[in-house]
Amino acid sequence: MHHPTPLSDTPESGQSALRHRLEVIIFGTGSTAGRRFDITLIALILLSVSIVIFDSVDELHNRFGSTFWTLELALTGLFTLEYATRLWCSHKRSAYLLSFWGIIDFLAIVPT
């Protein structure tokens, strides 16, 4: 028996195509775009951790504290956007939310 496909899942749907493309990039490492995304994300994570470390040094905090805070807010905004995009393009949102990496991603953005 053939069941009609919901409109949002049809190949003709621009939103569905965008979701699929983002899913391939974000969750896959087999494409050049996926590898670039992962490398960029790792670089941003390392930058964020470095900022926290530098900010813990009193001399640096006193001199650059407001800059560190601004950068950390901007990075947290990017990580929040990445998390929301993962949720939006994931076929099984609850599976991602409750997965190890989904929980880690959530815990990474919540404190800020």
PDB file of N, CA and C in Angstrom:
ATOM      1  N   MET A   1       0.852  -1.182   0.000  1.00  0.00           N
ATOM      2  CA  MET A   1       0.000   0.000   0.000  1.00  0.00           C
ATOM      3  C   MET A   1       0.889   1.233   0.000  1.00  0.00           C
ATOM      4  N   HIS A   2       0.587   2.172  -0.841  1.00  0.00           N
ATOM      5  CA  HIS A   2       1.359   3.396  -0.954  1.00  0.00           C
ATOM      6  C   HIS A   2       0.767   4.454  -0.038  1.00  0.00           C
ATOM      7  N   HIS A   3       1.635   5.036   0.792  1.00  0.00           N
ATOM      8  CA  HIS A   3       1.202   6.125   1.673  1.00  0.00           C
ATOM      9  C   HIS A   3       1.758   7.429   1.128  1.00  0.00           C
ATOM     10  N   PRO A   4       0.933   8.459   1.041  1.00  0.00           N
ATOM     11  CA  PRO A   4       1.435   9.732   0.521  1.00  0.00           C
ATOM     12  C   PRO A   4       2.510  10.300   1.453  1.00  0.00           C
ATOM     13  N   THR A   5       3.509  10.921   0.845  1.00  0.00           N
ATOM     14  CA  THR A   5       4.583  11.541   1.611  1.00  0.00           C
ATOM     15  C   THR A   5       4.148  12.938   2.011  1.00  0.00           C
ATOM     16  N   PRO A   6       4.393  13.322   3.284  1.00  0.00           N
ATOM     17  CA  PRO A   6       4.051  14.687   3.690  1.00  0.00           C
ATOM     18  C   PRO A   6       4.790  15.693   2.813  1.00  0.00           C
ATOM     19  N   LEU A   7       4.168  16.838   2.588  1.00  0.00           N
ATOM     20  CA  LEU A   7       4.728  17.859   1.712  1.00  0.00           C
ATOM     21  C   LEU A   7       6.146  18.245   2.114  1.00  0.00           C
ATOM     22  N   SER A   8       6.410  18.360   3.419  1.00  0.00           N
ATOM     23  CA  SER A   8       7.723  18.820   3.863  1.00  0.00           C
ATOM     24  C   SER A   8       8.824  17.817   3.543  1.00  0.00           C
ATOM     25  N   ASP A   9       8.492  16.579   3.245  1.00  0.00           N
ATOM     26  CA  ASP A   9       9.497  15.568   2.973  1.00  0.00           C
ATOM     27  C   ASP A   9       9.695  15.304   1.485  1.00  0.00           C
ATOM     28  N   THR A  10       8.962  15.995   0.630  1.00  0.00           N
ATOM     29  CA  THR A  10       9.089  15.739  -0.796  1.00  0.00           C
ATOM     30  C   THR A  10      10.382  16.347  -1.310  1.00  0.00           C
ATOM     31  N   PRO A  11      10.993  15.709  -2.301  1.00  0.00           N
ATOM     32  CA  PRO A  11      12.244  16.241  -2.842  1.00  0.00           C
ATOM     33  C   PRO A  11      12.091  17.640  -3.416  1.00  0.00           C
ATOM     34  N   GLU A  12      10.889  17.987  -3.855  1.00  0.00           N
ATOM     35  CA  GLU A  12      10.672  19.297  -4.457  1.00  0.00           C
ATOM     36  C   GLU A  12      10.692  20.419  -3.416  1.00  0.00           C
ATOM     37  N   SER A  13      10.489  20.080  -2.180  1.00  0.00           N
ATOM     38  CA  SER A  13      10.419  21.079  -1.131  1.00  0.00           C
ATOM     39  C   SER A  13      11.799  21.679  -0.873  1.00  0.00           C
ATOM     40  N   GLY A  14      11.914  22.988  -1.015  1.00  0.00           N
ATOM     41  CA  GLY A  14      13.184  23.669  -0.781  1.00  0.00           C
ATOM     42  C   GLY A  14      13.658  23.503   0.646  1.00  0.00           C
ATOM     43  N   GLN A  15      12.707  23.556   1.577  1.00  0.00           N
ATOM     44  CA  GLN A  15      13.056  23.393   2.987  1.00  0.00           C
ATOM     45  C   GLN A  15      13.585  21.987   3.250  1.00  0.00           C
ATOM     46  N   SER A  16      12.969  20.994   2.648  1.00  0.00           N
ATOM     47  CA  SER A  16      13.420  19.617   2.811  1.00  0.00           C
ATOM     48  C   SER A  16      14.813  19.422   2.220  1.00  0.00           C
ATOM     49  N   ALA A  17      15.060  20.023   1.074  1.00  0.00           N
ATOM     50  CA  ALA A  17      16.377  19.925   0.442  1.00  0.00           C
ATOM     51  C   ALA A  17      17.436  20.593   1.313  1.00  0.00           C
ATOM     52  N   LEU A  18      17.103  21.742   1.878  1.00  0.00           N
ATOM     53  CA  LEU A  18      18.038  22.439   2.764  1.00  0.00           C
ATOM     54  C   LEU A  18      18.318  21.606   4.009  1.00  0.00           C
ATOM     55  N   ARG A  19      17.264  21.048   4.602  1.00  0.00           N
ATOM     56  CA  ARG A  19      17.444  20.186   5.781  1.00  0.00           C
ATOM     57  C   ARG A  19      18.359  19.017   5.468  1.00  0.00           C
ATOM     58  N   HIS A  20      18.115  18.378   4.327  1.00  0.00           N
ATOM     59  CA  HIS A  20      18.925  17.225   3.945  1.00  0.00           C
ATOM     60  C   HIS A  20      20.382  17.646   3.731  1.00  0.00           C
ATOM     61  N   ARG A  21      20.588  18.740   3.035  1.00  0.00           N
ATOM     62  CA  ARG A  21      21.954  19.226   2.775  1.00  0.00           C
ATOM     63  C   ARG A  21      22.679  19.538   4.080  1.00  0.00           C
ATOM     64  N   LEU A  22      22.002  20.222   4.999  1.00  0.00           N
ATOM     65  CA  LEU A  22      22.614  20.540   6.291  1.00  0.00           C
ATOM     66  C   LEU A  22      22.880  19.280   7.107  1.00  0.00           C
ATOM     67  N   GLU A  23      21.962  18.329   7.029  1.00  0.00           N
ATOM     68  CA  GLU A  23      22.163  17.074   7.756  1.00  0.00           C
ATOM     69  C   GLU A  23      23.417  16.351   7.254  1.00  0.00           C
ATOM     70  N   VAL A  24      23.597  16.328   5.944  1.00  0.00           N
ATOM     71  CA  VAL A  24      24.779  15.685   5.359  1.00  0.00           C
ATOM     72  C   VAL A  24      26.052  16.403   5.810  1.00  0.00           C
ATOM     73  N   ILE A  25      26.017  17.719   5.830  1.00  0.00           N
ATOM     74  CA  ILE A  25      27.195  18.495   6.231  1.00  0.00           C
ATOM     75  C   ILE A  25      27.471  18.347   7.727  1.00  0.00           C
ATOM     76  N   ILE A  26      26.443  18.501   8.545  1.00  0.00           N
ATOM     77  CA  ILE A  26      26.632  18.540   9.993  1.00  0.00           C
ATOM     78  C   ILE A  26      26.901  17.156  10.588  1.00  0.00           C
ATOM     79  N   PHE A  27      26.158  16.161  10.146  1.00  0.00           N
ATOM     80  CA  PHE A  27      26.286  14.838  10.752  1.00  0.00           C
ATOM     81  C   PHE A  27      27.231  13.906   9.988  1.00  0.00           C
ATOM     82  N   GLY A  28      27.578  14.271   8.772  1.00  0.00           N
ATOM     83  CA  GLY A  28      28.421  13.404   7.959  1.00  0.00           C
ATOM     84  C   GLY A  28      29.839  13.921   7.865  1.00  0.00           C
ATOM     85  N   THR A  29      30.760  13.008   7.725  1.00  0.00           N
ATOM     86  CA  THR A  29      32.151  13.408   7.538  1.00  0.00           C
ATOM     87  C   THR A  29      32.670  12.932   6.191  1.00  0.00           C
ATOM     88  N   GLY A  30      31.798  12.347   5.385  1.00  0.00           N
ATOM     89  CA  GLY A  30      32.205  11.791   4.111  1.00  0.00           C
ATOM     90  C   GLY A  30      32.348  12.804   2.995  1.00  0.00           C
ATOM     91  N   SER A  31      31.854  14.014   3.216  1.00  0.00           N
ATOM     92  CA  SER A  31      31.947  15.028   2.169  1.00  0.00           C
ATOM     93  C   SER A  31      32.986  16.078   2.553  1.00  0.00           C
ATOM     94  N   THR A  32      33.454  16.792   1.570  1.00  0.00           N
ATOM     95  CA  THR A  32      34.403  17.878   1.829  1.00  0.00           C
ATOM     96  C   THR A  32      33.756  18.926   2.738  1.00  0.00           C
ATOM     97  N   ALA A  33      32.501  19.262   2.462  1.00  0.00           N
ATOM     98  CA  ALA A  33      31.790  20.251   3.285  1.00  0.00           C
ATOM     99  C   ALA A  33      31.648  19.756   4.723  1.00  0.00           C
ATOM    100  N   GLY A  34      31.365  18.467   4.904  1.00  0.00           N
ATOM    101  CA  GLY A  34      31.251  17.895   6.244  1.00  0.00           C
ATOM    102  C   GLY A  34      32.560  17.960   7.006  1.00  0.00           C
ATOM    103  N   ARG A  35      33.653  17.642   6.319  1.00  0.00           N
ATOM    104  CA  ARG A  35      34.973  17.712   6.963  1.00  0.00           C
ATOM    105  C   ARG A  35      35.322  19.157   7.305  1.00  0.00           C
ATOM    106  N   ARG A  36      35.037  20.079   6.408  1.00  0.00           N
ATOM    107  CA  ARG A  36      35.296  21.501   6.682  1.00  0.00           C
ATOM    108  C   ARG A  36      34.476  21.986   7.877  1.00  0.00           C
ATOM    109  N   PHE A  37      33.221  21.557   7.924  1.00  0.00           N
ATOM    110  CA  PHE A  37      32.370  21.936   9.052  1.00  0.00           C
ATOM    111  C   PHE A  37      32.971  21.431  10.355  1.00  0.00           C
ATOM    112  N   ASP A  38      33.371  20.166  10.388  1.00  0.00           N
ATOM    113  CA  ASP A  38      33.955  19.582  11.595  1.00  0.00           C
ATOM    114  C   ASP A  38      35.238  20.290  12.010  1.00  0.00           C
ATOM    115  N   ILE A  39      36.104  20.584  11.053  1.00  0.00           N
ATOM    116  CA  ILE A  39      37.364  21.268  11.354  1.00  0.00           C
ATOM    117  C   ILE A  39      37.097  22.672  11.886  1.00  0.00           C
ATOM    118  N   THR A  40      36.154  23.365  11.269  1.00  0.00           N
ATOM    119  CA  THR A  40      35.795  24.701  11.730  1.00  0.00           C
ATOM    120  C   THR A  40      35.224  24.649  13.137  1.00  0.00           C
ATOM    121  N   LEU A  41      34.361  23.679  13.388  1.00  0.00           N
ATOM    122  CA  LEU A  41      33.758  23.537  14.716  1.00  0.00           C
ATOM    123  C   LEU A  41      34.826  23.229  15.762  1.00  0.00           C
ATOM    124  N   ILE A  42      35.754  22.352  15.449  1.00  0.00           N
ATOM    125  CA  ILE A  42      36.836  22.034  16.381  1.00  0.00           C
ATOM    126  C   ILE A  42      37.689  23.270  16.651  1.00  0.00           C
ATOM    127  N   ALA A  43      37.985  24.045  15.615  1.00  0.00           N
ATOM    128  CA  ALA A  43      38.770  25.268  15.788  1.00  0.00           C
ATOM    129  C   ALA A  43      38.038  26.260  16.699  1.00  0.00           C
ATOM    130  N   LEU A  44      36.726  26.394  16.515  1.00  0.00           N
ATOM    131  CA  LEU A  44      35.945  27.299  17.358  1.00  0.00           C
ATOM    132  C   LEU A  44      35.898  26.814  18.805  1.00  0.00           C
ATOM    133  N   ILE A  45      35.803  25.513  19.001  1.00  0.00           N
ATOM    134  CA  ILE A  45      35.814  24.949  20.356  1.00  0.00           C
ATOM    135  C   ILE A  45      37.161  25.218  21.016  1.00  0.00           C
ATOM    136  N   LEU A  46      38.248  24.991  20.295  1.00  0.00           N
ATOM    137  CA  LEU A  46      39.584  25.256  20.842  1.00  0.00           C
ATOM    138  C   LEU A  46      39.773  26.739  21.152  1.00  0.00           C
ATOM    139  N   LEU A  47      39.254  27.605  20.297  1.00  0.00           N
ATOM    140  CA  LEU A  47      39.313  29.043  20.549  1.00  0.00           C
ATOM    141  C   LEU A  47      38.543  29.389  21.820  1.00  0.00           C
ATOM    142  N   SER A  48      37.363  28.822  21.972  1.00  0.00           N
ATOM    143  CA  SER A  48      36.546  29.077  23.159  1.00  0.00           C
ATOM    144  C   SER A  48      37.252  28.622  24.429  1.00  0.00           C
ATOM    145  N   VAL A  49      37.825  27.438  24.393  1.00  0.00           N
ATOM    146  CA  VAL A  49      38.552  26.922  25.560  1.00  0.00           C
ATOM    147  C   VAL A  49      39.770  27.802  25.850  1.00  0.00           C
ATOM    148  N   SER A  50      40.461  28.232  24.815  1.00  0.00           N
ATOM    149  CA  SER A  50      41.627  29.107  24.992  1.00  0.00           C
ATOM    150  C   SER A  50      41.228  30.429  25.644  1.00  0.00           C
ATOM    151  N   ILE A  51      40.119  30.976  25.218  1.00  0.00           N
ATOM    152  CA  ILE A  51      39.645  32.235  25.803  1.00  0.00           C
ATOM    153  C   ILE A  51      39.366  32.055  27.284  1.00  0.00           C
ATOM    154  N   VAL A  52      38.734  30.964  27.651  1.00  0.00           N
ATOM    155  CA  VAL A  52      38.439  30.706  29.067  1.00  0.00           C
ATOM    156  C   VAL A  52      39.748  30.572  29.852  1.00  0.00           C
ATOM    157  N   ILE A  53      40.715  29.877  29.281  1.00  0.00           N
ATOM    158  CA  ILE A  53      42.004  29.715  29.954  1.00  0.00           C
ATOM    159  C   ILE A  53      42.698  31.067  30.115  1.00  0.00           C
ATOM    160  N   PHE A  54      42.767  31.842  29.021  1.00  0.00           N
ATOM    161  CA  PHE A  54      43.419  33.157  29.101  1.00  0.00           C
ATOM    162  C   PHE A  54      42.703  34.073  30.077  1.00  0.00           C
ATOM    163  N   ASP A  55      41.392  33.994  30.105  1.00  0.00           N
ATOM    164  CA  ASP A  55      40.611  34.845  31.011  1.00  0.00           C
ATOM    165  C   ASP A  55      40.837  34.480  32.472  1.00  0.00           C
ATOM    166  N   SER A  56      41.311  33.278  32.731  1.00  0.00           N
ATOM    167  CA  SER A  56      41.562  32.867  34.120  1.00  0.00           C
ATOM    168  C   SER A  56      42.881  33.431  34.656  1.00  0.00           C
ATOM    169  N   VAL A  57      43.697  34.009  33.803  1.00  0.00           N
ATOM    170  CA  VAL A  57      44.947  34.651  34.224  1.00  0.00           C
ATOM    171  C   VAL A  57      44.617  36.100  34.595  1.00  0.00           C
ATOM    172  N   ASP A  58      44.871  36.460  35.860  1.00  0.00           N
ATOM    173  CA  ASP A  58      44.456  37.768  36.366  1.00  0.00           C
ATOM    174  C   ASP A  58      44.926  38.936  35.495  1.00  0.00           C
ATOM    175  N   GLU A  59      46.189  38.933  35.101  1.00  0.00           N
ATOM    176  CA  GLU A  59      46.713  40.038  34.288  1.00  0.00           C
ATOM    177  C   GLU A  59      45.957  40.166  32.964  1.00  0.00           C
ATOM    178  N   LEU A  60      45.709  39.027  32.332  1.00  0.00           N
ATOM    179  CA  LEU A  60      44.981  39.052  31.057  1.00  0.00           C
ATOM    180  C   LEU A  60      43.520  39.434  31.257  1.00  0.00           C
ATOM    181  N   HIS A  61      42.925  38.926  32.328  1.00  0.00           N
ATOM    182  CA  HIS A  61      41.528  39.258  32.620  1.00  0.00           C
ATOM    183  C   HIS A  61      41.383  40.763  32.862  1.00  0.00           C
ATOM    184  N   ASN A  62      42.305  41.329  33.647  1.00  0.00           N
ATOM    185  CA  ASN A  62      42.227  42.762  33.943  1.00  0.00           C
ATOM    186  C   ASN A  62      42.371  43.609  32.677  1.00  0.00           C
ATOM    187  N   ARG A  63      43.177  43.137  31.742  1.00  0.00           N
ATOM    188  CA  ARG A  63      43.426  43.914  30.527  1.00  0.00           C
ATOM    189  C   ARG A  63      42.404  43.645  29.422  1.00  0.00           C
ATOM    190  N   PHE A  64      42.002  42.378  29.281  1.00  0.00           N
ATOM    191  CA  PHE A  64      41.152  41.983  28.144  1.00  0.00           C
ATOM    192  C   PHE A  64      39.827  41.331  28.557  1.00  0.00           C
ATOM    193  N   GLY A  65      39.470  41.443  29.818  1.00  0.00           N
ATOM    194  CA  GLY A  65      38.274  40.750  30.322  1.00  0.00           C
ATOM    195  C   GLY A  65      37.021  41.014  29.522  1.00  0.00           C
ATOM    196  N   SER A  66      36.774  42.265  29.182  1.00  0.00           N
ATOM    197  CA  SER A  66      35.545  42.575  28.429  1.00  0.00           C
ATOM    198  C   SER A  66      35.619  42.016  27.006  1.00  0.00           C
ATOM    199  N   THR A  67      36.809  42.017  26.422  1.00  0.00           N
ATOM    200  CA  THR A  67      36.983  41.433  25.084  1.00  0.00           C
ATOM    201  C   THR A  67      36.764  39.927  25.130  1.00  0.00           C
ATOM    202  N   PHE A  68      37.336  39.285  26.158  1.00  0.00           N
ATOM    203  CA  PHE A  68      37.141  37.836  26.314  1.00  0.00           C
ATOM    204  C   PHE A  68      35.657  37.513  26.455  1.00  0.00           C
ATOM    205  N   TRP A  69      34.943  38.306  27.251  1.00  0.00           N
ATOM    206  CA  TRP A  69      33.516  38.060  27.480  1.00  0.00           C
ATOM    207  C   TRP A  69      32.728  38.222  26.183  1.00  0.00           C
ATOM    208  N   THR A  70      33.046  39.265  25.425  1.00  0.00           N
ATOM    209  CA  THR A  70      32.367  39.494  24.150  1.00  0.00           C
ATOM    210  C   THR A  70      32.617  38.339  23.180  1.00  0.00           C
ATOM    211  N   LEU A  71      33.876  37.895  23.094  1.00  0.00           N
ATOM    212  CA  LEU A  71      34.204  36.770  22.219  1.00  0.00           C
ATOM    213  C   LEU A  71      33.492  35.498  22.662  1.00  0.00           C
ATOM    214  N   GLU A  72      33.443  35.277  23.968  1.00  0.00           N
ATOM    215  CA  GLU A  72      32.782  34.071  24.480  1.00  0.00           C
ATOM    216  C   GLU A  72      31.281  34.107  24.202  1.00  0.00           C
ATOM    217  N   LEU A  73      30.665  35.275  24.324  1.00  0.00           N
ATOM    218  CA  LEU A  73      29.245  35.402  23.992  1.00  0.00           C
ATOM    219  C   LEU A  73      29.003  35.143  22.507  1.00  0.00           C
ATOM    220  N   ALA A  74      29.883  35.672  21.660  1.00  0.00           N
ATOM    221  CA  ALA A  74      29.747  35.458  20.209  1.00  0.00           C
ATOM    222  C   ALA A  74      29.901  33.971  19.876  1.00  0.00           C
ATOM    223  N   LEU A  75      30.883  33.313  20.480  1.00  0.00           N
ATOM    224  CA  LEU A  75      31.088  31.885  20.229  1.00  0.00           C
ATOM    225  C   LEU A  75      29.916  31.065  20.754  1.00  0.00           C
ATOM    226  N   THR A  76      29.403  31.429  21.917  1.00  0.00           N
ATOM    227  CA  THR A  76      28.244  30.719  22.455  1.00  0.00           C
ATOM    228  C   THR A  76      27.042  30.905  21.535  1.00  0.00           C
ATOM    229  N   GLY A  77      26.901  32.084  20.952  1.00  0.00           N
ATOM    230  CA  GLY A  77      25.840  32.310  19.972  1.00  0.00           C
ATOM    231  C   GLY A  77      25.987  31.388  18.767  1.00  0.00           C
ATOM    232  N   LEU A  78      27.223  31.237  18.278  1.00  0.00           N
ATOM    233  CA  LEU A  78      27.463  30.323  17.155  1.00  0.00           C
ATOM    234  C   LEU A  78      27.178  28.873  17.542  1.00  0.00           C
ATOM    235  N   PHE A  79      27.603  28.473  18.755  1.00  0.00           N
ATOM    236  CA  PHE A  79      27.348  27.105  19.204  1.00  0.00           C
ATOM    237  C   PHE A  79      25.844  26.861  19.396  1.00  0.00           C
ATOM    238  N   THR A  80      25.131  27.871  19.851  1.00  0.00           N
ATOM    239  CA  THR A  80      23.680  27.755  19.999  1.00  0.00           C
ATOM    240  C   THR A  80      23.010  27.610  18.636  1.00  0.00           C
ATOM    241  N   LEU A  81      23.470  28.383  17.667  1.00  0.00           N
ATOM    242  CA  LEU A  81      22.958  28.276  16.303  1.00  0.00           C
ATOM    243  C   LEU A  81      23.251  26.892  15.719  1.00  0.00           C
ATOM    244  N   GLU A  82      24.444  26.390  15.966  1.00  0.00           N
ATOM    245  CA  GLU A  82      24.810  25.052  15.486  1.00  0.00           C
ATOM    246  C   GLU A  82      23.919  23.987  16.131  1.00  0.00           C
ATOM    247  N   TYR A  83      23.667  24.103  17.439  1.00  0.00           N
ATOM    248  CA  TYR A  83      22.809  23.161  18.159  1.00  0.00           C
ATOM    249  C   TYR A  83      21.381  23.206  17.604  1.00  0.00           C
ATOM    250  N   ALA A  84      20.864  24.408  17.423  1.00  0.00           N
ATOM    251  CA  ALA A  84      19.506  24.560  16.890  1.00  0.00           C
ATOM    252  C   ALA A  84      19.412  24.000  15.471  1.00  0.00           C
ATOM    253  N   THR A  85      20.455  24.206  14.680  1.00  0.00           N
ATOM    254  CA  THR A  85      20.467  23.681  13.311  1.00  0.00           C
ATOM    255  C   THR A  85      20.508  22.162  13.321  1.00  0.00           C
ATOM    256  N   ARG A  86      21.288  21.584  14.233  1.00  0.00           N
ATOM    257  CA  ARG A  86      21.313  20.121  14.366  1.00  0.00           C
ATOM    258  C   ARG A  86      19.918  19.588  14.694  1.00  0.00           C
ATOM    259  N   LEU A  87      19.232  20.267  15.608  1.00  0.00           N
ATOM    260  CA  LEU A  87      17.869  19.842  15.962  1.00  0.00           C
ATOM    261  C   LEU A  87      16.938  19.975  14.765  1.00  0.00           C
ATOM    262  N   TRP A  88      17.037  21.068  14.051  1.00  0.00           N
ATOM    263  CA  TRP A  88      16.135  21.338  12.929  1.00  0.00           C
ATOM    264  C   TRP A  88      16.308  20.334  11.803  1.00  0.00           C
ATOM    265  N   CYS A  89      17.548  19.967  11.505  1.00  0.00           N
ATOM    266  CA  CYS A  89      17.755  19.098  10.338  1.00  0.00           C
ATOM    267  C   CYS A  89      17.797  17.615  10.697  1.00  0.00           C
ATOM    268  N   SER A  90      17.758  17.286  11.973  1.00  0.00           N
ATOM    269  CA  SER A  90      17.797  15.891  12.389  1.00  0.00           C
ATOM    270  C   SER A  90      16.449  15.208  12.144  1.00  0.00           C
ATOM    271  N   HIS A  91      16.498  14.007  11.564  1.00  0.00           N
ATOM    272  CA  HIS A  91      15.267  13.248  11.344  1.00  0.00           C
ATOM    273  C   HIS A  91      14.671  12.767  12.660  1.00  0.00           C
ATOM    274  N   LYS A  92      15.522  12.433  13.595  1.00  0.00           N
ATOM    275  CA  LYS A  92      15.064  11.939  14.896  1.00  0.00           C
ATOM    276  C   LYS A  92      15.555  12.891  15.980  1.00  0.00           C
ATOM    277  N   ARG A  93      14.822  13.971  16.165  1.00  0.00           N
ATOM    278  CA  ARG A  93      15.242  15.013  17.111  1.00  0.00           C
ATOM    279  C   ARG A  93      15.414  14.479  18.517  1.00  0.00           C
ATOM    280  N   SER A  94      14.473  13.679  18.970  1.00  0.00           N
ATOM    281  CA  SER A  94      14.573  13.171  20.343  1.00  0.00           C
ATOM    282  C   SER A  94      15.796  12.271  20.504  1.00  0.00           C
ATOM    283  N   ALA A  95      16.138  11.514  19.464  1.00  0.00           N
ATOM    284  CA  ALA A  95      17.331  10.664  19.525  1.00  0.00           C
ATOM    285  C   ALA A  95      18.580  11.522  19.660  1.00  0.00           C
ATOM    286  N   TYR A  96      18.635  12.639  18.911  1.00  0.00           N
ATOM    287  CA  TYR A  96      19.789  13.530  19.028  1.00  0.00           C
ATOM    288  C   TYR A  96      19.805  14.207  20.396  1.00  0.00           C
ATOM    289  N   LEU A  97      18.653  14.726  20.834  1.00  0.00           N
ATOM    290  CA  LEU A  97      18.582  15.410  22.127  1.00  0.00           C
ATOM    291  C   LEU A  97      19.080  14.530  23.270  1.00  0.00           C
ATOM    292  N   LEU A  98      18.735  13.254  23.225  1.00  0.00           N
ATOM    293  CA  LEU A  98      19.088  12.348  24.314  1.00  0.00           C
ATOM    294  C   LEU A  98      20.391  11.593  24.080  1.00  0.00           C
ATOM    295  N   SER A  99      21.033  11.845  22.935  1.00  0.00           N
ATOM    296  CA  SER A  99      22.299  11.172  22.653  1.00  0.00           C
ATOM    297  C   SER A  99      23.417  11.797  23.487  1.00  0.00           C
ATOM    298  N   PHE A 100      24.520  11.096  23.592  1.00  0.00           N
ATOM    299  CA  PHE A 100      25.679  11.606  24.337  1.00  0.00           C
ATOM    300  C   PHE A 100      26.089  12.977  23.811  1.00  0.00           C
ATOM    301  N   TRP A 101      26.266  13.097  22.481  1.00  0.00           N
ATOM    302  CA  TRP A 101      26.717  14.358  21.894  1.00  0.00           C
ATOM    303  C   TRP A 101      25.651  15.441  21.982  1.00  0.00           C
ATOM    304  N   GLY A 102      24.394  15.076  21.908  1.00  0.00           N
ATOM    305  CA  GLY A 102      23.327  16.062  22.062  1.00  0.00           C
ATOM    306  C   GLY A 102      23.330  16.664  23.457  1.00  0.00           C
ATOM    307  N   ILE A 103      23.531  15.823  24.457  1.00  0.00           N
ATOM    308  CA  ILE A 103      23.593  16.304  25.847  1.00  0.00           C
ATOM    309  C   ILE A 103      24.839  17.161  26.054  1.00  0.00           C
ATOM    310  N   ILE A 104      25.979  16.721  25.516  1.00  0.00           N
ATOM    311  CA  ILE A 104      27.220  17.501  25.626  1.00  0.00           C
ATOM    312  C   ILE A 104      27.042  18.870  24.967  1.00  0.00           C
ATOM    313  N   ASP A 105      26.453  18.899  23.773  1.00  0.00           N
ATOM    314  CA  ASP A 105      26.221  20.171  23.080  1.00  0.00           C
ATOM    315  C   ASP A 105      25.335  21.092  23.912  1.00  0.00           C
ATOM    316  N   PHE A 106      24.285  20.539  24.486  1.00  0.00           N
ATOM    317  CA  PHE A 106      23.368  21.334  25.302  1.00  0.00           C
ATOM    318  C   PHE A 106      24.082  21.871  26.538  1.00  0.00           C
ATOM    319  N   LEU A 107      24.824  21.017  27.226  1.00  0.00           N
ATOM    320  CA  LEU A 107      25.529  21.432  28.434  1.00  0.00           C
ATOM    321  C   LEU A 107      26.623  22.461  28.132  1.00  0.00           C
ATOM    322  N   ALA A 108      27.147  22.444  26.928  1.00  0.00           N
ATOM    323  CA  ALA A 108      28.189  23.387  26.545  1.00  0.00           C
ATOM    324  C   ALA A 108      27.647  24.805  26.374  1.00  0.00           C
ATOM    325  N   ILE A 109      26.395  24.939  25.981  1.00  0.00           N
ATOM    326  CA  ILE A 109      25.844  26.272  25.730  1.00  0.00           C
ATOM    327  C   ILE A 109      25.034  26.817  26.904  1.00  0.00           C
ATOM    328  N   VAL A 110      24.566  25.961  27.782  1.00  0.00           N
ATOM    329  CA  VAL A 110      23.689  26.397  28.871  1.00  0.00           C
ATOM    330  C   VAL A 110      24.368  27.322  29.880  1.00  0.00           C
ATOM    331  N   PRO A 111      25.594  27.055  30.324  1.00  0.00           N
ATOM    332  CA  PRO A 111      26.171  27.907  31.379  1.00  0.00           C
ATOM    333  C   PRO A 111      26.285  29.381  31.019  1.00  0.00           C
ATOM    334  N   THR A 112      26.558  29.690  29.761  1.00  0.00           N
ATOM    335  CA  THR A 112      26.729  31.090  29.378  1.00  0.00           C
ATOM    336  C   THR A 112      25.396  31.805  29.412  1.00  0.00           C
TER     337      THR A 112
END
